[in-house]
N, C-alpha and C. Protein backbone atom coordinates (compact mmCIF):
# COMPACT_ATOMS: atom_id res chain seq x y z
N UNK A 1 -15.91 10.32 -100.95
CA UNK A 1 -15.47 11.15 -99.80
C UNK A 1 -16.49 10.98 -98.74
N UNK A 2 -15.88 10.69 -97.53
CA UNK A 2 -16.71 10.40 -96.31
C UNK A 2 -16.50 11.66 -95.45
N UNK A 3 -17.65 11.90 -94.69
CA UNK A 3 -17.52 12.98 -93.72
C UNK A 3 -17.25 12.36 -92.32
N UNK A 4 -16.37 12.97 -91.57
CA UNK A 4 -16.12 12.55 -90.20
C UNK A 4 -17.22 13.13 -89.31
N UNK A 5 -17.63 12.37 -88.41
CA UNK A 5 -18.60 12.94 -87.49
C UNK A 5 -17.90 13.04 -86.08
N UNK A 6 -17.95 14.18 -85.46
CA UNK A 6 -17.29 14.40 -84.24
C UNK A 6 -18.11 14.02 -83.09
N UNK A 7 -17.46 13.86 -81.88
CA UNK A 7 -18.23 13.48 -80.69
C UNK A 7 -19.37 14.51 -80.41
N UNK A 8 -20.42 13.92 -79.86
CA UNK A 8 -21.58 14.77 -79.43
C UNK A 8 -22.45 15.08 -80.64
N UNK A 9 -22.18 14.72 -81.86
CA UNK A 9 -23.02 15.07 -83.03
C UNK A 9 -24.34 14.38 -82.99
N UNK A 10 -24.46 13.17 -82.35
CA UNK A 10 -25.66 12.44 -82.23
C UNK A 10 -26.19 12.62 -80.79
N UNK A 11 -27.51 12.78 -80.67
CA UNK A 11 -28.08 12.89 -79.31
C UNK A 11 -28.08 11.56 -78.62
N UNK A 12 -28.18 11.58 -77.36
CA UNK A 12 -28.17 10.30 -76.60
C UNK A 12 -29.38 9.39 -77.04
N UNK A 13 -30.54 10.16 -77.32
CA UNK A 13 -31.71 9.48 -77.68
C UNK A 13 -31.53 8.61 -78.95
N UNK A 14 -30.77 9.19 -79.90
CA UNK A 14 -30.43 8.53 -81.18
C UNK A 14 -29.65 7.29 -80.93
N UNK A 15 -28.85 7.34 -79.92
CA UNK A 15 -27.86 6.23 -79.61
C UNK A 15 -28.56 5.18 -78.88
N UNK A 16 -29.73 5.38 -78.15
CA UNK A 16 -30.44 4.44 -77.41
C UNK A 16 -31.30 3.62 -78.43
N UNK A 17 -31.40 2.37 -78.02
CA UNK A 17 -32.34 1.49 -78.76
C UNK A 17 -33.70 1.80 -78.45
N UNK A 18 -34.64 1.51 -79.34
CA UNK A 18 -36.09 1.81 -79.02
C UNK A 18 -36.51 1.14 -77.76
N UNK A 19 -36.05 -0.02 -77.43
CA UNK A 19 -36.35 -0.76 -76.20
C UNK A 19 -35.88 -0.03 -74.97
N UNK A 20 -34.75 0.60 -75.06
CA UNK A 20 -34.17 1.43 -73.97
C UNK A 20 -35.02 2.66 -73.77
N UNK A 21 -35.43 3.29 -74.85
CA UNK A 21 -36.32 4.43 -74.72
C UNK A 21 -37.59 4.09 -74.05
N UNK A 22 -38.23 2.93 -74.45
CA UNK A 22 -39.51 2.50 -73.92
C UNK A 22 -39.38 2.18 -72.46
N UNK A 23 -38.28 1.58 -72.02
CA UNK A 23 -38.09 1.31 -70.60
C UNK A 23 -37.90 2.52 -69.86
N UNK A 24 -37.20 3.56 -70.40
CA UNK A 24 -37.00 4.81 -69.68
C UNK A 24 -38.30 5.61 -69.56
N UNK A 25 -39.15 5.55 -70.58
CA UNK A 25 -40.39 6.19 -70.41
C UNK A 25 -41.29 5.57 -69.44
N UNK A 26 -41.31 4.25 -69.42
CA UNK A 26 -42.19 3.53 -68.53
C UNK A 26 -41.76 3.75 -67.07
N UNK A 27 -40.48 4.00 -66.81
CA UNK A 27 -40.11 4.09 -65.41
C UNK A 27 -40.18 5.53 -64.90
N UNK A 28 -40.77 6.44 -65.77
CA UNK A 28 -40.94 7.77 -65.49
C UNK A 28 -41.79 7.97 -64.17
N UNK A 29 -41.43 8.73 -63.20
CA UNK A 29 -42.17 8.85 -62.00
C UNK A 29 -43.48 9.71 -62.19
N UNK A 30 -43.58 10.37 -63.31
CA UNK A 30 -44.80 11.19 -63.60
C UNK A 30 -45.90 10.25 -63.88
N UNK A 31 -47.19 10.59 -63.39
CA UNK A 31 -48.31 9.74 -63.65
C UNK A 31 -49.42 10.71 -64.10
N UNK A 32 -50.39 10.18 -64.74
CA UNK A 32 -51.56 10.93 -65.07
C UNK A 32 -52.24 11.52 -63.83
N UNK A 33 -52.68 12.81 -63.94
CA UNK A 33 -53.33 13.30 -62.73
C UNK A 33 -54.56 12.41 -62.34
N UNK A 34 -54.65 12.04 -61.05
CA UNK A 34 -55.74 11.29 -60.57
C UNK A 34 -55.51 9.71 -60.66
N UNK A 35 -54.41 9.36 -61.41
CA UNK A 35 -54.14 7.87 -61.52
C UNK A 35 -53.82 7.34 -60.18
N UNK A 36 -53.08 7.97 -59.36
CA UNK A 36 -52.79 7.41 -57.93
C UNK A 36 -54.05 7.35 -57.17
N UNK A 37 -54.92 8.37 -57.18
CA UNK A 37 -56.21 8.43 -56.48
C UNK A 37 -57.07 7.32 -56.98
N UNK A 38 -57.18 7.05 -58.29
CA UNK A 38 -57.96 5.97 -58.86
C UNK A 38 -57.48 4.60 -58.32
N UNK A 39 -56.16 4.36 -58.35
CA UNK A 39 -55.58 3.16 -57.84
C UNK A 39 -55.89 2.94 -56.42
N UNK A 40 -55.85 3.95 -55.62
CA UNK A 40 -56.19 3.81 -54.19
C UNK A 40 -57.69 3.52 -54.11
N UNK A 41 -58.47 4.11 -54.81
CA UNK A 41 -59.92 3.78 -54.73
C UNK A 41 -60.17 2.32 -55.10
N UNK A 42 -59.59 1.90 -56.14
CA UNK A 42 -59.77 0.45 -56.53
C UNK A 42 -59.29 -0.48 -55.41
N UNK A 43 -58.10 -0.18 -54.89
CA UNK A 43 -57.63 -1.01 -53.78
C UNK A 43 -58.56 -0.95 -52.55
N UNK A 44 -59.09 0.15 -52.23
CA UNK A 44 -59.95 0.28 -51.05
C UNK A 44 -61.25 -0.51 -51.35
N UNK A 45 -61.74 -0.51 -52.59
CA UNK A 45 -62.94 -1.29 -52.97
C UNK A 45 -62.77 -2.80 -52.80
N UNK A 46 -61.54 -3.22 -52.88
CA UNK A 46 -61.25 -4.67 -52.71
C UNK A 46 -61.04 -5.09 -51.27
N UNK A 47 -60.89 -4.25 -50.37
CA UNK A 47 -60.53 -4.54 -49.06
C UNK A 47 -61.94 -4.75 -48.23
N UNK A 48 -62.03 -5.80 -47.53
CA UNK A 48 -63.17 -6.02 -46.67
C UNK A 48 -63.25 -4.89 -45.57
N UNK A 49 -64.39 -4.10 -45.54
CA UNK A 49 -64.41 -3.04 -44.49
C UNK A 49 -64.55 -3.56 -43.02
N UNK A 50 -64.71 -4.91 -42.84
CA UNK A 50 -64.82 -5.41 -41.48
C UNK A 50 -63.49 -5.91 -41.08
N UNK A 51 -62.78 -6.72 -41.92
CA UNK A 51 -61.50 -7.26 -41.52
C UNK A 51 -60.33 -6.30 -41.98
N UNK A 52 -60.53 -5.43 -42.84
CA UNK A 52 -59.50 -4.49 -43.37
C UNK A 52 -58.38 -5.31 -44.08
N UNK A 53 -58.86 -6.46 -44.72
CA UNK A 53 -57.89 -7.25 -45.48
C UNK A 53 -58.51 -7.72 -46.83
N UNK A 54 -57.72 -8.15 -47.78
CA UNK A 54 -58.31 -8.65 -48.93
C UNK A 54 -59.08 -9.96 -48.66
N UNK A 55 -60.31 -10.09 -49.06
CA UNK A 55 -61.09 -11.32 -48.72
C UNK A 55 -60.54 -12.53 -49.40
N UNK A 56 -60.48 -13.70 -48.70
CA UNK A 56 -60.16 -14.98 -49.30
C UNK A 56 -61.38 -15.64 -49.85
N UNK A 57 -62.54 -15.33 -49.34
CA UNK A 57 -63.83 -15.77 -49.84
C UNK A 57 -64.79 -14.62 -50.00
N UNK A 58 -64.60 -13.74 -50.96
CA UNK A 58 -65.36 -12.51 -51.07
C UNK A 58 -66.81 -12.72 -51.44
N UNK A 59 -67.69 -11.92 -50.85
CA UNK A 59 -69.08 -11.88 -51.26
C UNK A 59 -69.53 -10.43 -51.41
N UNK A 60 -70.42 -10.24 -52.26
CA UNK A 60 -71.09 -8.83 -52.44
C UNK A 60 -72.31 -8.78 -51.75
N UNK A 61 -72.53 -7.71 -50.90
CA UNK A 61 -73.78 -7.69 -50.20
C UNK A 61 -74.68 -6.67 -50.91
N UNK A 62 -75.99 -6.55 -50.56
CA UNK A 62 -77.01 -5.75 -51.11
C UNK A 62 -76.59 -4.25 -51.17
N UNK A 63 -75.60 -3.89 -50.32
CA UNK A 63 -75.20 -2.43 -50.25
C UNK A 63 -74.08 -2.11 -51.33
N UNK A 64 -73.70 -3.23 -52.09
CA UNK A 64 -72.68 -3.06 -53.15
C UNK A 64 -71.27 -3.19 -52.63
N UNK A 65 -71.05 -3.43 -51.39
CA UNK A 65 -69.70 -3.53 -50.79
C UNK A 65 -69.38 -4.99 -50.83
N UNK A 66 -67.99 -5.23 -50.87
CA UNK A 66 -67.49 -6.64 -50.86
C UNK A 66 -66.98 -6.94 -49.44
N UNK A 67 -67.27 -8.10 -49.03
CA UNK A 67 -66.94 -8.57 -47.60
C UNK A 67 -66.25 -9.93 -47.69
N UNK A 68 -65.42 -10.19 -46.61
CA UNK A 68 -65.06 -11.57 -46.38
C UNK A 68 -66.24 -12.30 -45.85
N UNK A 69 -66.53 -13.45 -46.48
CA UNK A 69 -67.78 -14.24 -46.10
C UNK A 69 -67.94 -14.39 -44.67
N UNK A 70 -66.94 -14.92 -43.95
CA UNK A 70 -67.10 -15.24 -42.55
C UNK A 70 -67.30 -13.93 -41.66
N UNK A 71 -66.74 -12.81 -42.15
CA UNK A 71 -66.87 -11.56 -41.42
C UNK A 71 -68.32 -11.02 -41.51
N UNK A 72 -68.86 -11.01 -42.69
CA UNK A 72 -70.20 -10.48 -42.83
C UNK A 72 -71.30 -11.46 -42.22
N UNK A 73 -70.99 -12.78 -42.32
CA UNK A 73 -71.92 -13.71 -41.70
C UNK A 73 -71.94 -13.52 -40.17
N UNK A 74 -70.71 -13.32 -39.63
CA UNK A 74 -70.65 -13.11 -38.19
C UNK A 74 -71.35 -11.78 -37.75
N UNK A 75 -71.20 -10.72 -38.66
CA UNK A 75 -71.89 -9.44 -38.44
C UNK A 75 -73.40 -9.61 -38.41
N UNK A 76 -73.89 -10.46 -39.29
CA UNK A 76 -75.34 -10.71 -39.33
C UNK A 76 -75.78 -11.41 -38.07
N UNK A 77 -74.95 -12.27 -37.54
CA UNK A 77 -75.34 -13.03 -36.31
C UNK A 77 -75.33 -12.11 -35.10
N UNK A 78 -74.36 -11.20 -34.97
CA UNK A 78 -74.10 -10.37 -33.78
C UNK A 78 -74.79 -9.04 -33.83
N UNK A 79 -75.48 -8.77 -34.89
CA UNK A 79 -76.09 -7.38 -35.01
C UNK A 79 -77.62 -7.56 -34.89
N UNK A 80 -78.23 -6.60 -34.27
CA UNK A 80 -79.71 -6.60 -34.05
C UNK A 80 -80.35 -6.52 -35.41
N UNK A 81 -81.36 -7.42 -35.64
CA UNK A 81 -82.05 -7.48 -36.90
C UNK A 81 -83.38 -6.72 -36.78
N UNK A 82 -83.87 -6.22 -37.90
CA UNK A 82 -85.11 -5.56 -38.01
C UNK A 82 -85.86 -6.21 -39.21
N UNK A 83 -86.80 -7.05 -38.98
CA UNK A 83 -87.52 -7.81 -40.06
C UNK A 83 -86.53 -8.54 -40.92
N UNK A 84 -85.53 -9.27 -40.28
CA UNK A 84 -84.65 -10.10 -40.98
C UNK A 84 -83.51 -9.33 -41.78
N UNK A 85 -83.38 -8.10 -41.42
CA UNK A 85 -82.34 -7.21 -42.11
C UNK A 85 -81.57 -6.54 -41.02
N UNK A 86 -80.25 -6.25 -41.39
CA UNK A 86 -79.38 -5.48 -40.51
C UNK A 86 -78.90 -4.30 -41.21
N UNK A 87 -78.41 -3.27 -40.48
CA UNK A 87 -77.90 -2.10 -41.04
C UNK A 87 -76.40 -2.44 -41.64
N UNK A 88 -76.21 -2.03 -42.87
CA UNK A 88 -74.91 -2.19 -43.50
C UNK A 88 -73.80 -1.59 -42.72
N UNK A 89 -72.65 -2.33 -42.46
CA UNK A 89 -71.63 -1.63 -41.69
C UNK A 89 -70.92 -0.60 -42.43
N UNK A 90 -71.17 -0.47 -43.76
CA UNK A 90 -70.46 0.57 -44.58
C UNK A 90 -71.37 1.78 -44.90
N UNK A 91 -72.62 1.46 -45.50
CA UNK A 91 -73.42 2.49 -45.96
C UNK A 91 -74.64 2.80 -45.10
N UNK A 92 -74.92 1.97 -44.07
CA UNK A 92 -75.98 2.27 -43.18
C UNK A 92 -77.33 1.91 -43.69
N UNK A 93 -77.43 1.33 -44.92
CA UNK A 93 -78.72 0.88 -45.46
C UNK A 93 -79.01 -0.50 -44.97
N UNK A 94 -80.27 -0.87 -44.94
CA UNK A 94 -80.72 -2.13 -44.53
C UNK A 94 -80.42 -3.19 -45.64
N UNK A 95 -79.71 -4.25 -45.17
CA UNK A 95 -79.38 -5.32 -46.15
C UNK A 95 -79.87 -6.70 -45.52
N UNK A 96 -80.25 -7.60 -46.38
CA UNK A 96 -80.71 -8.93 -45.94
C UNK A 96 -79.65 -9.87 -45.60
N UNK A 97 -80.08 -10.89 -44.89
CA UNK A 97 -79.10 -11.94 -44.36
C UNK A 97 -78.91 -13.03 -45.38
């Protein structure tokens, strides 16, 4: 003897494949608190503070910031030096050339 199952007796989730559930969960607009802020922080760390673009030839300076090579080299040339150092355009600390 077989039992007949009526419409709606299974939830939609049971009818979805595990792949469909995974895709649905991955596309959820909810994010961990601070995840968006962290992403923005990482993105801003990658942007040259002089050109405001992603560097094609990135270099790290003594102040810990990343710059486009030609932009920071030009900054060193056009900025007044004190004992061979200039003030960082980001942190205001003295950095070497």
